[in-house]
Amino acid sequence: MKRNTEFNDYVIYDLLGSISGITSRAMFGGYGIYKNGIIFGIIIDDILYLKVDVTNQKEYEKYGSSPFSYRNKGKEIKMSYWEVPEEILENREKITDWAEESYRINK
């Protein structure tokens, strides 16, 4: 799997560029998204996933989102990073709010 630097740059500089302290690092064929050195999101296969817990999971479920998962030794592993719905990606105010909430979860 090849990393798409264009999508990463779009997320970091365009979608989340108004948030101070945002950076990314290549990892596992994708990218980790950080604020002030704390990971709160990942990009895998040109899909942005943000950290979710009980405080915001229902909001993701409302949009039909699901967690990032992968197979390891025949077992499906689900992570606590959920796909950001297209509607949210297209709304600058909401994507900023969702990103900040995910950062607070990991802080």
C-alpha atoms as a PDB file:
ATOM      1  CA  MET A   1       0.000   0.000   0.000  1.00  0.00           C
ATOM      2  CA  LYS A   2       1.404   3.361  -1.050  1.00  0.00           C
ATOM      3  CA  ARG A   3       0.954   6.446   1.088  1.00  0.00           C
ATOM      4  CA  ASN A   4      -0.927   9.305  -0.528  1.00  0.00           C
ATOM      5  CA  THR A   5       0.918  12.447   0.481  1.00  0.00           C
ATOM      6  CA  GLU A   6      -1.688  14.591  -1.285  1.00  0.00           C
ATOM      7  CA  PHE A   7      -4.523  13.403   0.966  1.00  0.00           C
ATOM      8  CA  ASN A   8      -2.325  13.768   4.043  1.00  0.00           C
ATOM      9  CA  ASP A   9      -1.425  17.333   3.039  1.00  0.00           C
ATOM     10  CA  TYR A  10      -5.092  18.117   2.385  1.00  0.00           C
ATOM     11  CA  VAL A  11      -6.038  16.932   5.886  1.00  0.00           C
ATOM     12  CA  ILE A  12      -3.132  18.616   7.693  1.00  0.00           C
ATOM     13  CA  TYR A  13      -2.981  21.934   5.861  1.00  0.00           C
ATOM     14  CA  ASP A  14      -6.484  22.429   4.512  1.00  0.00           C
ATOM     15  CA  LEU A  15      -8.986  20.638   6.760  1.00  0.00           C
ATOM     16  CA  LEU A  16      -7.126  20.987  10.072  1.00  0.00           C
ATOM     17  CA  GLY A  17      -4.808  23.879   9.239  1.00  0.00           C
ATOM     18  CA  SER A  18      -6.640  26.288  11.546  1.00  0.00           C
ATOM     19  CA  ILE A  19      -5.743  24.164  14.601  1.00  0.00           C
ATOM     20  CA  SER A  20      -2.365  25.042  16.067  1.00  0.00           C
ATOM     21  CA  GLY A  21       0.135  22.256  16.742  1.00  0.00           C
ATOM     22  CA  ILE A  22      -1.131  19.856  14.023  1.00  0.00           C
ATOM     23  CA  THR A  23       1.462  17.522  12.472  1.00  0.00           C
ATOM     24  CA  SER A  24       1.564  14.093  10.872  1.00  0.00           C
ATOM     25  CA  ARG A  25       4.034  11.213  10.752  1.00  0.00           C
ATOM     26  CA  ALA A  26       4.235   8.295   8.374  1.00  0.00           C
ATOM     27  CA  MET A  27       3.290   5.010  10.054  1.00  0.00           C
ATOM     28  CA  PHE A  28       2.157   1.517   8.978  1.00  0.00           C
ATOM     29  CA  GLY A  29       1.452   2.473   5.374  1.00  0.00           C
ATOM     30  CA  GLY A  30      -0.523   5.549   6.440  1.00  0.00           C
ATOM     31  CA  TYR A  31      -0.132   8.534   8.735  1.00  0.00           C
ATOM     32  CA  GLY A  32      -0.637   9.384  12.383  1.00  0.00           C
ATOM     33  CA  ILE A  33      -2.254  12.784  13.013  1.00  0.00           C
ATOM     34  CA  TYR A  34      -0.981  14.663  16.069  1.00  0.00           C
ATOM     35  CA  LYS A  35      -1.663  17.835  18.003  1.00  0.00           C
ATOM     36  CA  ASN A  36       1.176  18.993  20.215  1.00  0.00           C
ATOM     37  CA  GLY A  37       2.751  15.530  19.895  1.00  0.00           C
ATOM     38  CA  ILE A  38      -0.394  13.620  20.949  1.00  0.00           C
ATOM     39  CA  ILE A  39      -1.933  11.287  18.378  1.00  0.00           C
ATOM     40  CA  PHE A  40      -5.661  11.717  17.846  1.00  0.00           C
ATOM     41  CA  GLY A  41      -6.205  10.511  14.299  1.00  0.00           C
ATOM     42  CA  ILE A  42      -4.919   8.262  11.540  1.00  0.00           C
ATOM     43  CA  ILE A  43      -5.073   8.220   7.776  1.00  0.00           C
ATOM     44  CA  ILE A  44      -5.226   4.786   6.153  1.00  0.00           C
ATOM     45  CA  ASP A  45      -6.006   4.249   2.445  1.00  0.00           C
ATOM     46  CA  ASP A  46      -7.033   7.910   2.029  1.00  0.00           C
ATOM     47  CA  ILE A  47      -9.567   7.690   4.844  1.00  0.00           C
ATOM     48  CA  LEU A  48      -9.387   9.921   7.911  1.00  0.00           C
ATOM     49  CA  TYR A  49     -10.164   8.237  11.232  1.00  0.00           C
ATOM     50  CA  LEU A  50     -10.408  10.116  14.530  1.00  0.00           C
ATOM     51  CA  LYS A  51     -10.161   8.860  18.110  1.00  0.00           C
ATOM     52  CA  VAL A  52     -13.525   7.852  19.576  1.00  0.00           C
ATOM     53  CA  ASP A  53     -14.677   6.867  23.050  1.00  0.00           C
ATOM     54  CA  VAL A  54     -18.008   6.755  24.886  1.00  0.00           C
ATOM     55  CA  THR A  55     -18.230  10.562  24.859  1.00  0.00           C
ATOM     56  CA  ASN A  56     -18.483  10.851  21.066  1.00  0.00           C
ATOM     57  CA  GLN A  57     -19.148   7.374  19.635  1.00  0.00           C
ATOM     58  CA  LYS A  58     -22.901   7.932  19.242  1.00  0.00           C
ATOM     59  CA  GLU A  59     -22.219  10.921  16.984  1.00  0.00           C
ATOM     60  CA  TYR A  60     -20.167   8.709  14.638  1.00  0.00           C
ATOM     61  CA  GLU A  61     -22.796   5.971  14.752  1.00  0.00           C
ATOM     62  CA  LYS A  62     -25.481   8.521  13.833  1.00  0.00           C
ATOM     63  CA  TYR A  63     -23.646   9.039  10.523  1.00  0.00           C
ATOM     64  CA  GLY A  64     -23.215   5.308   9.922  1.00  0.00           C
ATOM     65  CA  SER A  65     -19.484   5.417  10.587  1.00  0.00           C
ATOM     66  CA  SER A  66     -17.470   2.420  11.753  1.00  0.00           C
ATOM     67  CA  PRO A  67     -14.104   1.827  13.406  1.00  0.00           C
ATOM     68  CA  PHE A  68     -10.872   1.115  11.582  1.00  0.00           C
ATOM     69  CA  SER A  69     -10.211  -2.620  11.661  1.00  0.00           C
ATOM     70  CA  TYR A  70      -7.599  -5.015  10.368  1.00  0.00           C
ATOM     71  CA  ARG A  71      -6.909  -8.735  10.469  1.00  0.00           C
ATOM     72  CA  ASN A  72      -4.131 -10.218  12.587  1.00  0.00           C
ATOM     73  CA  LYS A  73      -3.594 -13.980  12.684  1.00  0.00           C
ATOM     74  CA  GLY A  74      -7.107 -14.544  11.330  1.00  0.00           C
ATOM     75  CA  LYS A  75      -8.719 -12.317  13.942  1.00  0.00           C
ATOM     76  CA  GLU A  76     -10.429  -8.981  13.256  1.00  0.00           C
ATOM     77  CA  ILE A  77      -8.987  -6.199  15.411  1.00  0.00           C
ATOM     78  CA  LYS A  78     -11.127  -3.063  15.800  1.00  0.00           C
ATOM     79  CA  MET A  79      -9.427   0.117  16.899  1.00  0.00           C
ATOM     80  CA  SER A  80     -10.900   3.132  18.668  1.00  0.00           C
ATOM     81  CA  TYR A  81     -10.404   5.290  15.571  1.00  0.00           C
ATOM     82  CA  TRP A  82     -13.593   5.761  13.528  1.00  0.00           C
ATOM     83  CA  GLU A  83     -14.015   6.930   9.949  1.00  0.00           C
ATOM     84  CA  VAL A  84     -14.927  10.591   9.635  1.00  0.00           C
ATOM     85  CA  PRO A  85     -18.156  10.861   7.602  1.00  0.00           C
ATOM     86  CA  GLU A  86     -18.012  12.723   4.282  1.00  0.00           C
ATOM     87  CA  GLU A  87     -20.552  15.277   5.555  1.00  0.00           C
ATOM     88  CA  ILE A  88     -18.186  16.221   8.375  1.00  0.00           C
ATOM     89  CA  LEU A  89     -15.139  16.392   6.089  1.00  0.00           C
ATOM     90  CA  GLU A  90     -17.018  18.937   3.968  1.00  0.00           C
ATOM     91  CA  ASN A  91     -17.890  21.162   6.942  1.00  0.00           C
ATOM     92  CA  ARG A  92     -14.866  23.176   8.180  1.00  0.00           C
ATOM     93  CA  GLU A  93     -16.418  24.054  11.522  1.00  0.00           C
ATOM     94  CA  LYS A  94     -17.550  20.508  12.316  1.00  0.00           C
ATOM     95  CA  ILE A  95     -14.296  18.806  11.268  1.00  0.00           C
ATOM     96  CA  THR A  96     -12.400  21.207  13.514  1.00  0.00           C
ATOM     97  CA  ASP A  97     -14.768  20.477  16.425  1.00  0.00           C
ATOM     98  CA  TRP A  98     -14.544  16.710  15.870  1.00  0.00           C
ATOM     99  CA  ALA A  99     -10.732  16.842  15.684  1.00  0.00           C
ATOM    100  CA  GLU A 100     -10.496  18.892  18.882  1.00  0.00           C
ATOM    101  CA  GLU A 101     -12.805  16.421  20.667  1.00  0.00           C
ATOM    102  CA  SER A 102     -10.640  13.498  19.556  1.00  0.00           C
ATOM    103  CA  TYR A 103      -7.541  15.310  20.776  1.00  0.00           C
ATOM    104  CA  ARG A 104      -9.166  15.877  24.199  1.00  0.00           C
ATOM    105  CA  ILE A 105      -9.898  12.144  24.440  1.00  0.00           C
ATOM    106  CA  ASN A 106      -6.209  11.248  24.085  1.00  0.00           C
ATOM    107  CA  LYS A 107      -4.825  14.191  26.035  1.00  0.00           C
END
